[in-house]
């Protein structure tokens, strides 16, 4: 079973997919996050096409470990996804994993 990984941002949603052993995740695509309904539909299509059972979303937190503004919007997006899964009888759930300085770390690799 593969996992779908979402890095939710106000402008873009990074999408990655795990390998079969769930050890590594590889970039799949970037969804432009301009219209919520369109973004939800794109994620739903990937879930169906790749037969995904679990989505892991990064949970953006501040230095105290508290949810920041984007995390609140990301939780709403996840809730909307789960509503669609229920409505369409799709066996998939969303799990959150806290992110600590992941953007800073990613930029460090980007500069190489």
N, C-alpha and C. Protein backbone atom coordinates (compact mmCIF):
# COMPACT_ATOMS: atom_id res chain seq x y z
N UNK A 1 0.85 -1.18 0.00
CA UNK A 1 0.00 0.00 0.00
C UNK A 1 0.89 1.24 0.00
N UNK A 2 0.63 2.12 -0.93
CA UNK A 2 1.38 3.37 -1.01
C UNK A 2 0.66 4.48 -0.26
N UNK A 3 1.46 5.43 0.23
CA UNK A 3 0.91 6.62 0.88
C UNK A 3 1.02 7.79 -0.08
N UNK A 4 0.04 8.68 -0.01
CA UNK A 4 0.10 9.93 -0.74
C UNK A 4 0.48 11.00 0.29
N UNK A 5 1.44 11.82 -0.04
CA UNK A 5 1.92 12.85 0.88
C UNK A 5 1.58 14.22 0.31
N UNK A 6 0.95 15.05 1.13
CA UNK A 6 0.56 16.39 0.70
C UNK A 6 1.25 17.43 1.56
N UNK A 7 1.86 18.40 0.90
CA UNK A 7 2.45 19.55 1.58
C UNK A 7 1.59 20.74 1.18
N UNK A 8 0.63 21.06 2.03
CA UNK A 8 -0.38 22.07 1.72
C UNK A 8 0.19 23.47 1.91
N UNK A 9 0.06 24.28 0.88
CA UNK A 9 0.45 25.69 0.94
C UNK A 9 -0.65 26.56 0.38
N UNK A 10 -0.63 27.82 0.70
CA UNK A 10 -1.69 28.72 0.24
C UNK A 10 -1.70 28.88 -1.28
N UNK A 11 -0.54 28.71 -1.93
CA UNK A 11 -0.47 28.87 -3.39
C UNK A 11 -0.30 27.54 -4.13
N UNK A 12 0.39 26.59 -3.49
CA UNK A 12 0.67 25.31 -4.12
C UNK A 12 0.52 24.18 -3.11
N UNK A 13 0.16 23.02 -3.64
CA UNK A 13 0.12 21.80 -2.83
C UNK A 13 1.13 20.83 -3.44
N UNK A 14 2.17 20.53 -2.68
CA UNK A 14 3.15 19.56 -3.14
C UNK A 14 2.60 18.16 -2.93
N UNK A 15 2.74 17.32 -3.94
CA UNK A 15 2.22 15.95 -3.87
C UNK A 15 3.37 14.98 -4.11
N UNK A 16 3.50 14.03 -3.20
CA UNK A 16 4.51 12.98 -3.34
C UNK A 16 3.83 11.65 -3.07
N UNK A 17 4.47 10.58 -3.52
CA UNK A 17 3.92 9.24 -3.31
C UNK A 17 5.02 8.34 -2.79
N UNK A 18 4.66 7.47 -1.87
CA UNK A 18 5.66 6.58 -1.27
C UNK A 18 5.99 5.43 -2.21
N UNK A 19 7.11 4.79 -1.92
CA UNK A 19 7.43 3.55 -2.62
C UNK A 19 6.57 2.43 -2.04
N UNK A 20 6.67 1.26 -2.61
CA UNK A 20 5.83 0.13 -2.16
C UNK A 20 6.10 -0.27 -0.71
N UNK A 21 7.33 -0.03 -0.23
CA UNK A 21 7.67 -0.42 1.14
C UNK A 21 7.46 0.72 2.13
N UNK A 22 6.98 1.86 1.63
CA UNK A 22 6.71 3.03 2.47
C UNK A 22 7.94 3.53 3.23
N UNK A 23 9.07 3.47 2.55
CA UNK A 23 10.32 3.95 3.14
C UNK A 23 10.64 5.35 2.64
N UNK A 24 10.47 5.56 1.34
CA UNK A 24 10.78 6.85 0.73
C UNK A 24 9.55 7.39 0.01
N UNK A 25 9.50 8.71 -0.11
CA UNK A 25 8.45 9.35 -0.91
C UNK A 25 9.12 10.10 -2.06
N UNK A 26 8.47 10.06 -3.20
CA UNK A 26 9.01 10.70 -4.40
C UNK A 26 8.03 11.75 -4.91
N UNK A 27 8.54 12.88 -5.37
CA UNK A 27 7.64 13.93 -5.90
C UNK A 27 6.78 13.40 -7.04
N UNK A 28 5.53 13.76 -7.02
CA UNK A 28 4.60 13.34 -8.07
C UNK A 28 4.16 14.53 -8.91
N UNK A 29 3.71 15.59 -8.24
CA UNK A 29 3.28 16.78 -8.97
C UNK A 29 3.06 17.93 -8.00
N UNK A 30 2.82 19.09 -8.56
CA UNK A 30 2.44 20.26 -7.78
C UNK A 30 1.07 20.69 -8.27
N UNK A 31 0.16 20.86 -7.32
CA UNK A 31 -1.19 21.33 -7.64
C UNK A 31 -1.24 22.82 -7.32
N UNK A 32 -1.61 23.61 -8.32
CA UNK A 32 -1.79 25.04 -8.06
C UNK A 32 -3.04 25.21 -7.23
N UNK A 33 -2.90 25.84 -6.09
CA UNK A 33 -3.99 25.94 -5.12
C UNK A 33 -4.72 27.27 -5.28
N UNK A 34 -5.42 27.41 -6.40
CA UNK A 34 -6.15 28.64 -6.68
C UNK A 34 -7.62 28.52 -6.35
N UNK A 35 -8.19 27.36 -6.65
CA UNK A 35 -9.61 27.11 -6.38
C UNK A 35 -9.70 25.82 -5.58
N UNK A 36 -10.29 25.92 -4.38
CA UNK A 36 -10.34 24.77 -3.48
C UNK A 36 -11.00 23.56 -4.13
N UNK A 37 -12.12 23.77 -4.81
CA UNK A 37 -12.84 22.64 -5.42
C UNK A 37 -11.98 21.93 -6.46
N UNK A 38 -11.24 22.70 -7.25
CA UNK A 38 -10.38 22.11 -8.27
C UNK A 38 -9.23 21.34 -7.62
N UNK A 39 -8.66 21.90 -6.56
CA UNK A 39 -7.57 21.22 -5.85
C UNK A 39 -8.06 19.91 -5.22
N UNK A 40 -9.24 19.95 -4.61
CA UNK A 40 -9.82 18.74 -4.03
C UNK A 40 -10.03 17.67 -5.10
N UNK A 41 -10.54 18.09 -6.25
CA UNK A 41 -10.79 17.16 -7.35
C UNK A 41 -9.49 16.52 -7.83
N UNK A 42 -8.42 17.31 -7.94
CA UNK A 42 -7.13 16.76 -8.39
C UNK A 42 -6.60 15.72 -7.41
N UNK A 43 -6.71 16.01 -6.12
CA UNK A 43 -6.26 15.03 -5.12
C UNK A 43 -7.12 13.77 -5.21
N UNK A 44 -8.41 13.93 -5.33
CA UNK A 44 -9.32 12.79 -5.44
C UNK A 44 -8.96 11.91 -6.65
N UNK A 45 -8.65 12.52 -7.77
CA UNK A 45 -8.27 11.76 -8.96
C UNK A 45 -7.01 10.94 -8.72
N UNK A 46 -6.04 11.53 -8.02
CA UNK A 46 -4.81 10.80 -7.71
C UNK A 46 -5.10 9.63 -6.77
N UNK A 47 -5.92 9.87 -5.76
CA UNK A 47 -6.29 8.81 -4.80
C UNK A 47 -6.91 7.64 -5.54
N UNK A 48 -7.82 7.92 -6.45
CA UNK A 48 -8.49 6.84 -7.20
C UNK A 48 -7.52 6.14 -8.14
N UNK A 49 -6.75 6.92 -8.89
CA UNK A 49 -5.82 6.35 -9.87
C UNK A 49 -4.74 5.49 -9.23
N UNK A 50 -4.19 5.95 -8.12
CA UNK A 50 -3.08 5.25 -7.47
C UNK A 50 -3.54 4.29 -6.36
N UNK A 51 -4.86 4.21 -6.16
CA UNK A 51 -5.45 3.32 -5.14
C UNK A 51 -4.87 3.60 -3.75
N UNK A 52 -4.90 4.86 -3.38
CA UNK A 52 -4.35 5.32 -2.10
C UNK A 52 -5.35 5.06 -0.98
N UNK A 53 -4.85 4.57 0.15
CA UNK A 53 -5.69 4.33 1.34
C UNK A 53 -5.41 5.34 2.45
N UNK A 54 -4.22 5.94 2.43
CA UNK A 54 -3.84 6.91 3.46
C UNK A 54 -3.12 8.10 2.85
N UNK A 55 -3.54 9.28 3.26
CA UNK A 55 -2.87 10.52 2.88
C UNK A 55 -2.17 11.04 4.13
N UNK A 56 -0.91 11.40 3.98
CA UNK A 56 -0.17 12.02 5.06
C UNK A 56 0.04 13.48 4.69
N UNK A 57 -0.47 14.36 5.55
CA UNK A 57 -0.32 15.79 5.31
C UNK A 57 0.62 16.37 6.35
N UNK A 58 1.51 17.24 5.88
CA UNK A 58 2.38 17.94 6.80
C UNK A 58 1.56 18.92 7.63
N UNK A 59 1.82 18.94 8.92
CA UNK A 59 1.10 19.85 9.81
C UNK A 59 2.07 20.96 10.22
N UNK A 60 1.84 22.13 9.71
CA UNK A 60 2.72 23.26 9.94
C UNK A 60 2.49 23.83 11.34
N UNK A 61 3.57 23.89 12.11
CA UNK A 61 3.49 24.39 13.48
C UNK A 61 4.55 25.46 13.71
N UNK A 62 4.31 26.29 14.72
CA UNK A 62 5.30 27.30 15.07
C UNK A 62 6.35 26.70 15.99
N UNK A 63 7.27 27.52 16.49
CA UNK A 63 8.36 27.01 17.31
C UNK A 63 7.89 26.45 18.65
N UNK A 64 6.68 26.78 19.05
CA UNK A 64 6.12 26.24 20.29
C UNK A 64 5.34 24.95 20.05
N UNK A 65 5.25 24.53 18.78
CA UNK A 65 4.51 23.33 18.44
C UNK A 65 3.03 23.56 18.25
N UNK A 66 2.62 24.82 18.17
CA UNK A 66 1.21 25.17 17.98
C UNK A 66 0.89 25.33 16.50
N UNK A 67 -0.33 25.00 16.14
CA UNK A 67 -0.76 25.16 14.75
C UNK A 67 -0.66 26.62 14.34
N UNK A 68 -0.15 26.84 13.12
CA UNK A 68 -0.13 28.21 12.60
C UNK A 68 -1.31 28.39 11.64
N UNK A 69 -1.41 29.56 11.03
CA UNK A 69 -2.57 29.87 10.17
C UNK A 69 -2.74 28.90 9.01
N UNK A 70 -1.64 28.53 8.35
CA UNK A 70 -1.77 27.63 7.19
C UNK A 70 -2.21 26.24 7.64
N UNK A 71 -1.83 25.84 8.84
CA UNK A 71 -2.23 24.52 9.35
C UNK A 71 -3.74 24.46 9.55
N UNK A 72 -4.32 25.56 9.96
CA UNK A 72 -5.77 25.59 10.17
C UNK A 72 -6.49 25.43 8.83
N UNK A 73 -5.99 26.10 7.80
CA UNK A 73 -6.59 25.99 6.46
C UNK A 73 -6.36 24.58 5.91
N UNK A 74 -5.18 24.02 6.16
CA UNK A 74 -4.88 22.66 5.70
C UNK A 74 -5.81 21.64 6.36
N UNK A 75 -6.12 21.84 7.64
CA UNK A 75 -7.04 20.94 8.33
C UNK A 75 -8.44 21.00 7.71
N UNK A 76 -8.86 22.20 7.31
CA UNK A 76 -10.15 22.35 6.64
C UNK A 76 -10.14 21.61 5.31
N UNK A 77 -9.03 21.72 4.57
CA UNK A 77 -8.88 21.02 3.29
C UNK A 77 -8.98 19.50 3.52
N UNK A 78 -8.30 19.01 4.55
CA UNK A 78 -8.34 17.58 4.86
C UNK A 78 -9.75 17.14 5.23
N UNK A 79 -10.43 17.96 6.01
CA UNK A 79 -11.81 17.66 6.39
C UNK A 79 -12.69 17.57 5.14
N UNK A 80 -12.50 18.50 4.20
CA UNK A 80 -13.26 18.46 2.94
C UNK A 80 -12.96 17.20 2.15
N UNK A 81 -11.69 16.79 2.13
CA UNK A 81 -11.32 15.55 1.44
C UNK A 81 -12.04 14.36 2.08
N UNK A 82 -12.01 14.29 3.40
CA UNK A 82 -12.65 13.16 4.08
C UNK A 82 -14.16 13.15 3.85
N UNK A 83 -14.77 14.32 3.75
CA UNK A 83 -16.20 14.39 3.41
C UNK A 83 -16.47 13.79 2.03
N UNK A 84 -15.61 14.13 1.08
CA UNK A 84 -15.75 13.59 -0.28
C UNK A 84 -15.56 12.07 -0.27
N UNK A 85 -14.56 11.59 0.49
CA UNK A 85 -14.33 10.15 0.57
C UNK A 85 -15.57 9.43 1.11
N UNK A 86 -16.18 9.98 2.13
CA UNK A 86 -17.40 9.38 2.69
C UNK A 86 -18.53 9.40 1.67
N UNK A 87 -18.71 10.55 1.04
CA UNK A 87 -19.78 10.72 0.07
C UNK A 87 -19.65 9.75 -1.10
N UNK A 88 -18.41 9.51 -1.55
CA UNK A 88 -18.17 8.66 -2.72
C UNK A 88 -17.78 7.23 -2.33
N UNK A 89 -17.88 6.93 -1.02
CA UNK A 89 -17.56 5.61 -0.51
C UNK A 89 -16.15 5.16 -0.89
N UNK A 90 -15.19 6.05 -0.66
CA UNK A 90 -13.78 5.77 -0.94
C UNK A 90 -13.08 5.51 0.39
N UNK A 91 -12.39 4.38 0.47
CA UNK A 91 -11.71 3.98 1.70
C UNK A 91 -10.33 4.65 1.77
N UNK A 92 -10.31 5.87 2.28
CA UNK A 92 -9.07 6.62 2.41
C UNK A 92 -9.21 7.56 3.60
N UNK A 93 -8.12 7.72 4.34
CA UNK A 93 -8.15 8.64 5.47
C UNK A 93 -6.95 9.58 5.41
N UNK A 94 -7.01 10.64 6.20
CA UNK A 94 -5.96 11.64 6.22
C UNK A 94 -5.30 11.63 7.60
N UNK A 95 -3.99 11.57 7.59
CA UNK A 95 -3.20 11.58 8.82
C UNK A 95 -2.26 12.78 8.76
N UNK A 96 -2.07 13.45 9.89
CA UNK A 96 -1.18 14.61 9.95
C UNK A 96 0.13 14.25 10.62
N UNK A 97 1.21 14.81 10.10
CA UNK A 97 2.53 14.63 10.67
C UNK A 97 3.14 16.02 10.86
N UNK A 98 3.54 16.33 12.08
CA UNK A 98 4.08 17.66 12.36
C UNK A 98 5.33 17.94 11.54
N UNK A 99 5.43 19.17 11.05
CA UNK A 99 6.60 19.63 10.31
C UNK A 99 7.38 20.59 11.20
N UNK A 100 8.66 20.38 11.28
CA UNK A 100 9.52 21.28 12.04
C UNK A 100 10.62 21.77 11.11
N UNK A 101 10.55 23.02 10.72
CA UNK A 101 11.59 23.65 9.91
C UNK A 101 11.79 22.97 8.55
N UNK A 102 10.78 22.30 8.02
CA UNK A 102 10.94 21.58 6.77
C UNK A 102 11.18 22.52 5.59
N UNK A 103 10.58 23.70 5.60
CA UNK A 103 10.79 24.66 4.52
C UNK A 103 12.24 25.14 4.52
N UNK A 104 12.76 25.42 5.70
CA UNK A 104 14.16 25.85 5.80
C UNK A 104 15.08 24.75 5.29
N UNK A 105 14.79 23.51 5.69
CA UNK A 105 15.59 22.37 5.25
C UNK A 105 15.52 22.19 3.74
N UNK A 106 14.34 22.32 3.18
CA UNK A 106 14.17 22.16 1.73
C UNK A 106 14.93 23.24 0.98
N UNK A 107 14.89 24.46 1.47
CA UNK A 107 15.62 25.55 0.80
C UNK A 107 17.12 25.33 0.86
N UNK A 108 17.60 24.71 1.92
CA UNK A 108 19.02 24.42 2.03
C UNK A 108 19.46 23.49 0.90
N UNK A 109 18.62 22.48 0.58
CA UNK A 109 18.95 21.56 -0.51
C UNK A 109 18.74 22.22 -1.87
N UNK A 110 17.80 23.13 -1.96
CA UNK A 110 17.51 23.83 -3.21
C UNK A 110 18.72 24.65 -3.66
N UNK A 111 19.45 25.22 -2.72
CA UNK A 111 20.57 26.10 -3.03
C UNK A 111 21.80 25.35 -3.50
N UNK A 112 21.82 24.04 -3.42
CA UNK A 112 23.02 23.27 -3.80
C UNK A 112 23.15 23.14 -5.28
